[in-house]
Amino acid sequence: MPVAEVTAENVQVTADAALDWADVNRVQQGDSAAYRAVVERHQRSVTRLMSRFTRDPAVVEELVQTVFIEAWRQIHNFRGEAPLLHWLTVIGTRTGYRFWKQQAKQRQRHARLEALPEPVAREDNSEAAHDAATKVHMVLSTLPPRDRLVLTLLHLEERSLKEISALTGWSLAMVKVQAFRARRKLAQVLERAQS
């Protein structure tokens, strides 16, 4: 049996898990101040996840707050069977999905989206990447929330089908079907945009 290689990353993950568990235990026993450490430790990761659901920094901030509020409400249910960050990722994914569903309802009440604007040509590569990301988000925003979620998790987050199933609560078969349908709808949207 090969001996596991000890790396700084492995030690850090173990240390973070121990800190998470200690802080969660303190929160579960009534020490609400311990929750601040949890938020500070995971805020960057949760913010990165929520930025997949919108490009608006103010909305990202609201979504991050929603994730941590929801986690606070459910912290008494956390049993430590998976890392705390995984648990927060599940809450974040479901929060983002609800956000998209709300957006879809609002769009149905308002006028349909017009043709996608062409990105402005810029010399700076980081700005070009930002423009490309904005266009990807705009194209994805024309899709229904379920399609948008599965494509974001599968292609932007590079999650496996099993991971998507765990994050969304959908069966593996449902994830596969949803991914197939979403790709087909995305192809139709891109086809219409080009014609």
N, C-alpha and C. Protein backbone atom coordinates (compact mmCIF):
# COMPACT_ATOMS: atom_id res chain seq x y z
N MET A 1 0.85 -1.17 0.00
CA MET A 1 0.00 0.00 0.00
C MET A 1 0.90 1.24 0.00
N PRO A 2 0.72 2.15 -0.99
CA PRO A 2 1.57 3.33 -1.05
C PRO A 2 1.26 4.28 0.11
N VAL A 3 2.30 4.92 0.58
CA VAL A 3 2.16 5.88 1.66
C VAL A 3 1.71 7.21 1.06
N ALA A 4 0.69 7.83 1.65
CA ALA A 4 0.19 9.11 1.15
C ALA A 4 1.26 10.18 1.29
N GLU A 5 1.43 10.94 0.24
CA GLU A 5 2.42 12.00 0.26
C GLU A 5 1.88 13.18 1.08
N VAL A 6 2.65 13.62 2.03
CA VAL A 6 2.25 14.75 2.85
C VAL A 6 2.67 16.02 2.15
N THR A 7 1.71 16.85 1.81
CA THR A 7 2.00 18.12 1.16
C THR A 7 1.44 19.25 2.00
N ALA A 8 1.91 20.44 1.71
CA ALA A 8 1.41 21.63 2.43
C ALA A 8 -0.09 21.77 2.21
N GLU A 9 -0.54 21.43 1.01
CA GLU A 9 -1.98 21.53 0.70
C GLU A 9 -2.79 20.56 1.55
N ASN A 10 -2.32 19.30 1.67
CA ASN A 10 -3.03 18.31 2.50
C ASN A 10 -3.09 18.75 3.95
N VAL A 11 -1.97 19.27 4.46
CA VAL A 11 -1.93 19.72 5.84
C VAL A 11 -2.88 20.89 6.04
N GLN A 12 -2.92 21.82 5.06
CA GLN A 12 -3.80 22.97 5.16
C GLN A 12 -5.26 22.55 5.13
N VAL A 13 -5.63 21.61 4.24
CA VAL A 13 -7.00 21.12 4.17
C VAL A 13 -7.40 20.50 5.49
N THR A 14 -6.52 19.68 6.07
CA THR A 14 -6.80 19.05 7.35
C THR A 14 -6.94 20.09 8.46
N ALA A 15 -6.07 21.08 8.45
CA ALA A 15 -6.12 22.14 9.46
C ALA A 15 -7.42 22.94 9.32
N ASP A 16 -7.80 23.28 8.09
CA ASP A 16 -9.05 24.01 7.87
C ASP A 16 -10.25 23.20 8.32
N ALA A 17 -10.25 21.89 8.03
CA ALA A 17 -11.36 21.03 8.45
C ALA A 17 -11.46 20.98 9.97
N ALA A 18 -10.32 20.92 10.64
CA ALA A 18 -10.33 20.90 12.11
C ALA A 18 -10.85 22.23 12.66
N LEU A 19 -10.41 23.34 12.06
CA LEU A 19 -10.90 24.65 12.48
C LEU A 19 -12.40 24.78 12.23
N ASP A 20 -12.84 24.31 11.04
CA ASP A 20 -14.27 24.36 10.73
C ASP A 20 -15.08 23.59 11.76
N TRP A 21 -14.64 22.38 12.04
CA TRP A 21 -15.39 21.53 12.96
C TRP A 21 -15.44 22.15 14.36
N ALA A 22 -14.32 22.71 14.81
CA ALA A 22 -14.27 23.35 16.13
C ALA A 22 -15.22 24.56 16.17
N ASP A 23 -15.18 25.38 15.12
CA ASP A 23 -16.06 26.55 15.08
C ASP A 23 -17.53 26.15 14.99
N VAL A 24 -17.84 25.14 14.18
CA VAL A 24 -19.22 24.69 14.07
C VAL A 24 -19.72 24.16 15.41
N ASN A 25 -18.88 23.38 16.09
CA ASN A 25 -19.27 22.88 17.42
C ASN A 25 -19.57 24.03 18.37
N ARG A 26 -18.73 25.06 18.35
CA ARG A 26 -18.96 26.21 19.22
C ARG A 26 -20.27 26.92 18.86
N VAL A 27 -20.53 27.07 17.57
CA VAL A 27 -21.78 27.71 17.13
C VAL A 27 -22.98 26.87 17.57
N GLN A 28 -22.88 25.55 17.36
CA GLN A 28 -23.98 24.66 17.74
C GLN A 28 -24.25 24.68 19.24
N GLN A 29 -23.25 25.05 20.01
CA GLN A 29 -23.42 25.12 21.47
C GLN A 29 -23.78 26.53 21.93
N GLY A 30 -24.07 27.44 20.98
CA GLY A 30 -24.57 28.74 21.34
C GLY A 30 -23.60 29.90 21.20
N ASP A 31 -22.37 29.65 20.76
CA ASP A 31 -21.38 30.73 20.61
C ASP A 31 -21.50 31.30 19.19
N SER A 32 -22.39 32.27 19.02
CA SER A 32 -22.64 32.82 17.69
C SER A 32 -21.43 33.57 17.14
N ALA A 33 -20.54 34.05 17.99
CA ALA A 33 -19.34 34.75 17.52
C ALA A 33 -18.42 33.84 16.72
N ALA A 34 -18.46 32.54 16.98
CA ALA A 34 -17.60 31.60 16.26
C ALA A 34 -17.96 31.51 14.78
N TYR A 35 -19.19 31.90 14.44
CA TYR A 35 -19.61 31.84 13.04
C TYR A 35 -18.82 32.83 12.18
N ARG A 36 -18.37 33.92 12.78
CA ARG A 36 -17.59 34.91 12.03
C ARG A 36 -16.34 34.26 11.42
N ALA A 37 -15.68 33.38 12.17
CA ALA A 37 -14.47 32.71 11.66
C ALA A 37 -14.81 31.82 10.47
N VAL A 38 -15.95 31.16 10.54
CA VAL A 38 -16.39 30.31 9.42
C VAL A 38 -16.59 31.17 8.17
N VAL A 39 -17.28 32.28 8.34
CA VAL A 39 -17.54 33.18 7.21
C VAL A 39 -16.23 33.70 6.63
N GLU A 40 -15.34 34.18 7.49
CA GLU A 40 -14.07 34.72 7.01
C GLU A 40 -13.24 33.67 6.28
N ARG A 41 -13.26 32.44 6.77
CA ARG A 41 -12.46 31.38 6.17
C ARG A 41 -12.97 30.98 4.78
N HIS A 42 -14.29 31.07 4.57
CA HIS A 42 -14.87 30.54 3.33
C HIS A 42 -15.49 31.60 2.43
N GLN A 43 -15.42 32.85 2.80
CA GLN A 43 -16.06 33.90 2.02
C GLN A 43 -15.52 33.98 0.60
N ARG A 44 -14.23 33.86 0.43
CA ARG A 44 -13.64 33.95 -0.92
C ARG A 44 -14.16 32.82 -1.82
N SER A 45 -14.20 31.59 -1.31
CA SER A 45 -14.66 30.46 -2.12
C SER A 45 -16.14 30.60 -2.47
N VAL A 46 -16.94 31.03 -1.51
CA VAL A 46 -18.37 31.20 -1.77
C VAL A 46 -18.60 32.34 -2.76
N THR A 47 -17.83 33.40 -2.64
CA THR A 47 -17.94 34.52 -3.58
C THR A 47 -17.59 34.07 -4.99
N ARG A 48 -16.55 33.29 -5.13
CA ARG A 48 -16.14 32.77 -6.44
C ARG A 48 -17.27 31.92 -7.04
N LEU A 49 -17.89 31.08 -6.21
CA LEU A 49 -19.00 30.25 -6.68
C LEU A 49 -20.18 31.11 -7.11
N MET A 50 -20.56 32.08 -6.30
CA MET A 50 -21.74 32.88 -6.60
C MET A 50 -21.53 33.79 -7.81
N SER A 51 -20.27 34.12 -8.12
CA SER A 51 -20.02 34.94 -9.31
C SER A 51 -20.31 34.18 -10.59
N ARG A 52 -20.51 32.88 -10.49
CA ARG A 52 -20.92 32.09 -11.66
C ARG A 52 -22.39 32.34 -12.01
N PHE A 53 -23.14 32.88 -11.05
CA PHE A 53 -24.57 33.06 -11.25
C PHE A 53 -24.93 34.47 -11.72
N THR A 54 -24.02 35.42 -11.57
CA THR A 54 -24.28 36.78 -12.04
C THR A 54 -22.95 37.52 -12.18
N ARG A 55 -22.94 38.52 -13.04
CA ARG A 55 -21.74 39.33 -13.25
C ARG A 55 -21.81 40.62 -12.43
N ASP A 56 -22.94 40.88 -11.81
CA ASP A 56 -23.15 42.11 -11.04
C ASP A 56 -22.57 41.95 -9.64
N PRO A 57 -21.51 42.69 -9.30
CA PRO A 57 -20.86 42.54 -7.99
C PRO A 57 -21.81 42.75 -6.81
N ALA A 58 -22.75 43.67 -6.93
CA ALA A 58 -23.70 43.90 -5.84
C ALA A 58 -24.60 42.69 -5.63
N VAL A 59 -25.02 42.07 -6.72
CA VAL A 59 -25.87 40.88 -6.61
C VAL A 59 -25.06 39.71 -6.08
N VAL A 60 -23.80 39.59 -6.52
CA VAL A 60 -22.93 38.53 -5.99
C VAL A 60 -22.83 38.68 -4.48
N GLU A 61 -22.63 39.89 -4.00
CA GLU A 61 -22.53 40.13 -2.57
C GLU A 61 -23.81 39.71 -1.84
N GLU A 62 -24.97 40.04 -2.43
CA GLU A 62 -26.25 39.64 -1.84
C GLU A 62 -26.38 38.12 -1.79
N LEU A 63 -25.97 37.46 -2.87
CA LEU A 63 -26.07 36.00 -2.92
C LEU A 63 -25.14 35.36 -1.89
N VAL A 64 -23.94 35.91 -1.72
CA VAL A 64 -23.01 35.38 -0.72
C VAL A 64 -23.63 35.52 0.67
N GLN A 65 -24.22 36.68 0.93
CA GLN A 65 -24.88 36.87 2.22
C GLN A 65 -26.02 35.88 2.42
N THR A 66 -26.77 35.64 1.36
CA THR A 66 -27.88 34.68 1.44
C THR A 66 -27.36 33.29 1.77
N VAL A 67 -26.25 32.90 1.15
CA VAL A 67 -25.65 31.58 1.42
C VAL A 67 -25.28 31.47 2.90
N PHE A 68 -24.60 32.48 3.42
CA PHE A 68 -24.16 32.41 4.81
C PHE A 68 -25.33 32.52 5.80
N ILE A 69 -26.37 33.25 5.42
CA ILE A 69 -27.56 33.30 6.28
C ILE A 69 -28.24 31.94 6.30
N GLU A 70 -28.37 31.32 5.13
CA GLU A 70 -28.98 29.99 5.05
C GLU A 70 -28.14 28.96 5.81
N ALA A 71 -26.83 29.06 5.69
CA ALA A 71 -25.94 28.15 6.42
C ALA A 71 -26.12 28.35 7.93
N TRP A 72 -26.23 29.60 8.36
CA TRP A 72 -26.45 29.91 9.78
C TRP A 72 -27.74 29.25 10.29
N ARG A 73 -28.77 29.36 9.47
CA ARG A 73 -30.07 28.78 9.86
C ARG A 73 -30.01 27.26 9.96
N GLN A 74 -29.14 26.65 9.15
CA GLN A 74 -29.08 25.19 9.10
C GLN A 74 -27.87 24.60 9.83
N ILE A 75 -27.07 25.43 10.48
CA ILE A 75 -25.81 24.96 11.07
C ILE A 75 -26.03 23.86 12.09
N HIS A 76 -27.18 23.86 12.75
CA HIS A 76 -27.45 22.80 13.73
C HIS A 76 -27.61 21.43 13.07
N ASN A 77 -27.85 21.41 11.74
CA ASN A 77 -27.97 20.15 11.00
C ASN A 77 -26.63 19.63 10.49
N PHE A 78 -25.59 20.46 10.53
CA PHE A 78 -24.29 20.04 10.00
C PHE A 78 -23.70 18.97 10.91
N ARG A 79 -23.38 17.81 10.31
CA ARG A 79 -22.87 16.68 11.09
C ARG A 79 -21.40 16.38 10.79
N GLY A 80 -20.80 17.09 9.88
CA GLY A 80 -19.39 16.90 9.58
C GLY A 80 -19.08 15.67 8.75
N GLU A 81 -20.07 15.13 8.05
CA GLU A 81 -19.83 13.95 7.22
C GLU A 81 -19.07 14.31 5.94
N ALA A 82 -19.12 15.56 5.57
CA ALA A 82 -18.37 16.08 4.42
C ALA A 82 -17.74 17.39 4.89
N PRO A 83 -16.73 17.87 4.17
CA PRO A 83 -16.13 19.15 4.57
C PRO A 83 -17.17 20.27 4.57
N LEU A 84 -16.97 21.22 5.44
CA LEU A 84 -17.89 22.35 5.55
C LEU A 84 -17.99 23.10 4.22
N LEU A 85 -16.88 23.26 3.51
CA LEU A 85 -16.92 23.97 2.23
C LEU A 85 -17.83 23.25 1.24
N HIS A 86 -17.84 21.93 1.25
CA HIS A 86 -18.75 21.19 0.36
C HIS A 86 -20.20 21.51 0.73
N TRP A 87 -20.49 21.52 2.02
CA TRP A 87 -21.83 21.83 2.50
C TRP A 87 -22.23 23.24 2.07
N LEU A 88 -21.31 24.20 2.19
CA LEU A 88 -21.58 25.57 1.76
C LEU A 88 -21.76 25.64 0.24
N THR A 89 -21.02 24.82 -0.50
CA THR A 89 -21.16 24.79 -1.96
C THR A 89 -22.53 24.29 -2.38
N VAL A 90 -23.04 23.29 -1.67
CA VAL A 90 -24.39 22.79 -1.96
C VAL A 90 -25.41 23.91 -1.71
N ILE A 91 -25.30 24.58 -0.58
CA ILE A 91 -26.21 25.69 -0.27
C ILE A 91 -26.07 26.79 -1.32
N GLY A 92 -24.84 27.10 -1.71
CA GLY A 92 -24.59 28.13 -2.72
C GLY A 92 -25.17 27.78 -4.08
N THR A 93 -25.01 26.54 -4.48
CA THR A 93 -25.53 26.11 -5.78
C THR A 93 -27.05 26.22 -5.80
N ARG A 94 -27.68 25.80 -4.74
CA ARG A 94 -29.15 25.88 -4.68
C ARG A 94 -29.62 27.32 -4.58
N THR A 95 -28.86 28.16 -3.89
CA THR A 95 -29.20 29.59 -3.81
C THR A 95 -29.10 30.24 -5.19
N GLY A 96 -28.03 29.94 -5.92
CA GLY A 96 -27.86 30.47 -7.26
C GLY A 96 -28.96 30.00 -8.20
N TYR A 97 -29.33 28.75 -8.07
CA TYR A 97 -30.41 28.21 -8.91
C TYR A 97 -31.71 28.94 -8.61
N ARG A 98 -32.03 29.16 -7.34
CA ARG A 98 -33.26 29.91 -6.99
C ARG A 98 -33.20 31.33 -7.56
N PHE A 99 -32.02 31.94 -7.51
CA PHE A 99 -31.84 33.28 -8.07
C PHE A 99 -32.16 33.27 -9.56
N TRP A 100 -31.64 32.30 -10.30
CA TRP A 100 -31.92 32.22 -11.72
C TRP A 100 -33.40 32.01 -11.99
N LYS A 101 -34.05 31.19 -11.18
CA LYS A 101 -35.48 30.96 -11.36
C LYS A 101 -36.25 32.27 -11.15
N GLN A 102 -35.87 33.05 -10.16
CA GLN A 102 -36.52 34.33 -9.92
C GLN A 102 -36.29 35.28 -11.10
N GLN A 103 -35.08 35.28 -11.61
CA GLN A 103 -34.77 36.13 -12.78
C GLN A 103 -35.63 35.72 -13.97
N ALA A 104 -35.78 34.42 -14.18
CA ALA A 104 -36.57 33.94 -15.31
C ALA A 104 -38.02 34.40 -15.19
N LYS A 105 -38.56 34.36 -13.99
CA LYS A 105 -39.93 34.82 -13.78
C LYS A 105 -40.05 36.32 -14.07
N GLN A 106 -39.05 37.08 -13.64
CA GLN A 106 -39.06 38.52 -13.89
C GLN A 106 -38.96 38.82 -15.39
N ARG A 107 -38.14 38.06 -16.08
CA ARG A 107 -38.00 38.28 -17.53
C ARG A 107 -39.29 37.97 -18.26
N GLN A 108 -40.05 36.97 -17.77
CA GLN A 108 -41.31 36.63 -18.42
C GLN A 108 -42.31 37.77 -18.28
N ARG A 109 -42.20 38.52 -17.20
CA ARG A 109 -43.10 39.66 -17.00
C ARG A 109 -42.68 40.86 -17.83
N HIS A 110 -41.45 40.91 -18.20
CA HIS A 110 -40.92 42.05 -18.97
C HIS A 110 -40.71 41.63 -20.42
N ALA A 111 -40.23 42.53 -21.21
CA ALA A 111 -40.00 42.25 -22.63
C ALA A 111 -38.89 41.22 -22.81
N ARG A 112 -38.95 40.49 -23.90
CA ARG A 112 -37.92 39.49 -24.23
C ARG A 112 -36.60 40.19 -24.53
N LEU A 113 -35.53 39.44 -24.32
CA LEU A 113 -34.20 39.99 -24.62
C LEU A 113 -34.05 40.21 -26.12
N GLU A 114 -33.40 41.32 -26.46
CA GLU A 114 -33.13 41.61 -27.86
C GLU A 114 -31.88 40.83 -28.29
N ALA A 115 -31.47 41.05 -29.50
CA ALA A 115 -30.27 40.36 -30.01
C ALA A 115 -29.08 40.69 -29.12
N LEU A 116 -28.19 39.73 -28.99
CA LEU A 116 -27.01 39.92 -28.15
C LEU A 116 -26.09 40.97 -28.75
N PRO A 117 -25.59 41.91 -27.92
CA PRO A 117 -24.67 42.91 -28.45
C PRO A 117 -23.30 42.30 -28.74
N GLU A 118 -22.65 42.87 -29.69
CA GLU A 118 -21.30 42.42 -30.01
C GLU A 118 -20.34 42.97 -28.96
N PRO A 119 -19.37 42.17 -28.53
CA PRO A 119 -18.42 42.69 -27.56
C PRO A 119 -17.56 43.79 -28.18
N VAL A 120 -17.18 44.75 -27.38
CA VAL A 120 -16.34 45.85 -27.83
C VAL A 120 -14.90 45.33 -27.93
N ALA A 121 -14.26 45.58 -29.05
CA ALA A 121 -12.88 45.14 -29.24
C ALA A 121 -11.96 45.97 -28.35
N ARG A 122 -11.12 45.30 -27.59
CA ARG A 122 -10.17 45.97 -26.70
C ARG A 122 -8.81 45.31 -26.87
N GLU A 123 -7.79 46.06 -26.56
CA GLU A 123 -6.43 45.56 -26.73
C GLU A 123 -5.98 44.68 -25.58
N ASP A 124 -6.42 44.94 -24.38
CA ASP A 124 -5.98 44.23 -23.19
C ASP A 124 -6.62 42.83 -23.13
N ASN A 125 -5.80 41.79 -22.95
CA ASN A 125 -6.32 40.43 -22.91
C ASN A 125 -7.28 40.21 -21.75
N SER A 126 -7.01 40.82 -20.59
CA SER A 126 -7.90 40.63 -19.46
C SER A 126 -9.26 41.24 -19.75
N GLU A 127 -9.28 42.35 -20.46
CA GLU A 127 -10.55 42.96 -20.83
C GLU A 127 -11.26 42.11 -21.88
N ALA A 128 -10.49 41.53 -22.79
CA ALA A 128 -11.09 40.64 -23.79
C ALA A 128 -11.69 39.41 -23.11
N ALA A 129 -10.99 38.90 -22.11
CA ALA A 129 -11.52 37.75 -21.36
C ALA A 129 -12.78 38.15 -20.61
N HIS A 130 -12.78 39.36 -20.05
CA HIS A 130 -13.98 39.84 -19.36
C HIS A 130 -15.14 39.97 -20.33
N ASP A 131 -14.88 40.50 -21.52
CA ASP A 131 -15.93 40.61 -22.54
C ASP A 131 -16.46 39.24 -22.92
N ALA A 132 -15.55 38.29 -23.09
CA ALA A 132 -15.98 36.93 -23.45
C ALA A 132 -16.84 36.33 -22.34
N ALA A 133 -16.42 36.52 -21.10
CA ALA A 133 -17.19 35.99 -19.97
C ALA A 133 -18.56 36.65 -19.90
N THR A 134 -18.61 37.94 -20.17
CA THR A 134 -19.89 38.65 -20.16
C THR A 134 -20.81 38.10 -21.24
N LYS A 135 -20.25 37.83 -22.41
CA LYS A 135 -21.06 37.29 -23.50
C LYS A 135 -21.57 35.87 -23.15
N VAL A 136 -20.71 35.07 -22.55
CA VAL A 136 -21.13 33.72 -22.13
C VAL A 136 -22.29 33.82 -21.14
N HIS A 137 -22.16 34.72 -20.16
CA HIS A 137 -23.24 34.90 -19.18
C HIS A 137 -24.52 35.39 -19.85
N MET A 138 -24.39 36.28 -20.83
CA MET A 138 -25.58 36.78 -21.54
C MET A 138 -26.26 35.66 -22.31
N VAL A 139 -25.47 34.83 -22.98
CA VAL A 139 -26.06 33.72 -23.73
C VAL A 139 -26.73 32.74 -22.76
N LEU A 140 -26.05 32.41 -21.68
CA LEU A 140 -26.63 31.49 -20.70
C LEU A 140 -27.89 32.06 -20.06
N SER A 141 -27.95 33.38 -19.92
CA SER A 141 -29.12 33.99 -19.28
C SER A 141 -30.38 33.85 -20.11
N THR A 142 -30.24 33.51 -21.39
CA THR A 142 -31.42 33.31 -22.23
C THR A 142 -32.02 31.92 -22.03
N LEU A 143 -31.30 31.05 -21.36
CA LEU A 143 -31.78 29.69 -21.12
C LEU A 143 -32.59 29.61 -19.83
N PRO A 144 -33.47 28.62 -19.74
CA PRO A 144 -34.19 28.41 -18.48
C PRO A 144 -33.20 28.08 -17.35
N PRO A 145 -33.55 28.36 -16.11
CA PRO A 145 -32.62 28.17 -14.99
C PRO A 145 -32.02 26.77 -14.88
N ARG A 146 -32.80 25.72 -15.08
CA ARG A 146 -32.24 24.37 -14.97
C ARG A 146 -31.14 24.13 -16.00
N ASP A 147 -31.40 24.58 -17.23
CA ASP A 147 -30.41 24.40 -18.30
C ASP A 147 -29.16 25.20 -17.98
N ARG A 148 -29.37 26.41 -17.52
CA ARG A 148 -28.26 27.30 -17.18
C ARG A 148 -27.41 26.71 -16.06
N LEU A 149 -28.08 26.17 -15.05
CA LEU A 149 -27.37 25.59 -13.92
C LEU A 149 -26.52 24.40 -14.34
N VAL A 150 -27.11 23.48 -15.08
CA VAL A 150 -26.36 22.28 -15.45
C VAL A 150 -25.18 22.62 -16.36
N LEU A 151 -25.36 23.55 -17.29
CA LEU A 151 -24.25 23.93 -18.17
C LEU A 151 -23.15 24.66 -17.40
N THR A 152 -23.54 25.51 -16.47
CA THR A 152 -22.54 26.23 -15.67
C THR A 152 -21.73 25.26 -14.83
N LEU A 153 -22.41 24.34 -14.16
CA LEU A 153 -21.69 23.39 -13.32
C LEU A 153 -20.83 22.44 -14.14
N LEU A 154 -21.36 22.01 -15.27
CA LEU A 154 -20.65 21.04 -16.10
C LEU A 154 -19.47 21.66 -16.84
N HIS A 155 -19.67 22.82 -17.45
CA HIS A 155 -18.63 23.37 -18.31
C HIS A 155 -17.81 24.50 -17.69
N LEU A 156 -18.43 25.37 -16.91
CA LEU A 156 -17.67 26.46 -16.30
C LEU A 156 -17.01 26.03 -15.00
N GLU A 157 -17.74 25.26 -14.20
CA GLU A 157 -17.17 24.76 -12.94
C GLU A 157 -16.42 23.44 -13.12
N GLU A 158 -16.61 22.80 -14.28
CA GLU A 158 -15.99 21.52 -14.61
C GLU A 158 -16.28 20.45 -13.57
N ARG A 159 -17.55 20.38 -13.18
CA ARG A 159 -18.00 19.38 -12.21
C ARG A 159 -18.38 18.10 -12.95
N SER A 160 -18.23 16.97 -12.28
CA SER A 160 -18.65 15.70 -12.87
C SER A 160 -20.16 15.57 -12.74
N LEU A 161 -20.73 14.63 -13.47
CA LEU A 161 -22.17 14.41 -13.39
C LEU A 161 -22.58 14.01 -11.97
N LYS A 162 -21.75 13.20 -11.32
CA LYS A 162 -22.05 12.79 -9.94
C LYS A 162 -22.02 13.99 -9.00
N GLU A 163 -21.04 14.87 -9.20
CA GLU A 163 -20.96 16.06 -8.35
C GLU A 163 -22.19 16.95 -8.55
N ILE A 164 -22.60 17.10 -9.80
CA ILE A 164 -23.79 17.92 -10.09
C ILE A 164 -25.02 17.31 -9.43
N SER A 165 -25.12 16.00 -9.49
CA SER A 165 -26.23 15.31 -8.83
C SER A 165 -26.25 15.60 -7.34
N ALA A 166 -25.08 15.54 -6.71
CA ALA A 166 -24.98 15.80 -5.27
C ALA A 166 -25.30 17.26 -4.93
N LEU A 167 -24.82 18.18 -5.77
CA LEU A 167 -25.02 19.60 -5.50
C LEU A 167 -26.47 20.03 -5.69
N THR A 168 -27.15 19.43 -6.67
CA THR A 168 -28.51 19.87 -7.00
C THR A 168 -29.59 19.03 -6.33
N GLY A 169 -29.24 17.81 -5.94
CA GLY A 169 -30.25 16.90 -5.40
C GLY A 169 -31.01 16.16 -6.49
N TRP A 170 -30.58 16.31 -7.75
CA TRP A 170 -31.21 15.61 -8.86
C TRP A 170 -30.58 14.23 -9.00
N SER A 171 -31.31 13.29 -9.58
CA SER A 171 -30.75 11.96 -9.84
C SER A 171 -29.71 12.08 -10.95
N LEU A 172 -28.82 11.10 -11.03
CA LEU A 172 -27.79 11.10 -12.06
C LEU A 172 -28.43 11.08 -13.45
N ALA A 173 -29.49 10.29 -13.62
CA ALA A 173 -30.19 10.23 -14.91
C ALA A 173 -30.78 11.60 -15.27
N MET A 174 -31.34 12.28 -14.29
CA MET A 174 -31.90 13.61 -14.52
C MET A 174 -30.82 14.59 -14.97
N VAL A 175 -29.65 14.51 -14.34
CA VAL A 175 -28.54 15.40 -14.71
C VAL A 175 -28.14 15.14 -16.17
N LYS A 176 -28.02 13.88 -16.54
CA LYS A 176 -27.63 13.54 -17.92
C LYS A 176 -28.65 14.07 -18.93
N VAL A 177 -29.92 13.84 -18.65
CA VAL A 177 -30.99 14.30 -19.55
C VAL A 177 -30.98 15.83 -19.63
N GLN A 178 -30.86 16.47 -18.47
CA GLN A 178 -30.87 17.93 -18.42
C GLN A 178 -29.68 18.50 -19.19
N ALA A 179 -28.51 17.89 -19.07
CA ALA A 179 -27.32 18.36 -19.79
C ALA A 179 -27.52 18.22 -21.30
N PHE A 180 -28.08 17.11 -21.73
CA PHE A 180 -28.33 16.88 -23.15
C PHE A 180 -29.29 17.93 -23.70
N ARG A 181 -30.40 18.15 -22.99
CA ARG A 181 -31.40 19.13 -23.44
C ARG A 181 -30.83 20.55 -23.41
N ALA A 182 -30.06 20.85 -22.40
CA ALA A 182 -29.49 22.19 -22.26
C ALA A 182 -28.52 22.50 -23.41
N ARG A 183 -27.70 21.52 -23.76
CA ARG A 183 -26.76 21.72 -24.88
C ARG A 183 -27.53 21.97 -26.18
N ARG A 184 -28.60 21.22 -26.37
CA ARG A 184 -29.41 21.38 -27.58
C ARG A 184 -30.04 22.79 -27.62
N LYS A 185 -30.57 23.24 -26.50
CA LYS A 185 -31.17 24.58 -26.44
C LYS A 185 -30.10 25.66 -26.66
N LEU A 186 -28.93 25.46 -26.08
CA LEU A 186 -27.84 26.43 -26.25
C LEU A 186 -27.45 26.51 -27.73
N ALA A 187 -27.37 25.39 -28.39
CA ALA A 187 -27.03 25.38 -29.82
C ALA A 187 -28.08 26.16 -30.62
N GLN A 188 -29.35 26.01 -30.27
CA GLN A 188 -30.42 26.75 -30.95
C GLN A 188 -30.30 28.26 -30.72
N VAL A 189 -29.98 28.65 -29.49
CA VAL A 189 -29.81 30.07 -29.17
C VAL A 189 -28.66 30.65 -29.97
N LEU A 190 -27.54 29.95 -30.04
CA LEU A 190 -26.38 30.43 -30.78
C LEU A 190 -26.67 30.50 -32.29
N GLU A 191 -27.41 29.51 -32.78
CA GLU A 191 -27.79 29.50 -34.19
C GLU A 191 -28.63 30.72 -34.54
N ARG A 192 -29.62 31.02 -33.67
CA ARG A 192 -30.49 32.19 -33.90
C ARG A 192 -29.70 33.49 -33.83
N ALA A 193 -28.74 33.56 -32.93
CA ALA A 193 -27.95 34.78 -32.76
C ALA A 193 -27.07 35.05 -33.98
N GLN A 194 -26.64 33.98 -34.65
CA GLN A 194 -25.78 34.14 -35.82
C GLN A 194 -26.56 34.46 -37.07
N SER A 195 -27.84 34.12 -37.10
CA SER A 195 -28.61 34.37 -38.33
C SER A 195 -29.26 35.72 -38.34
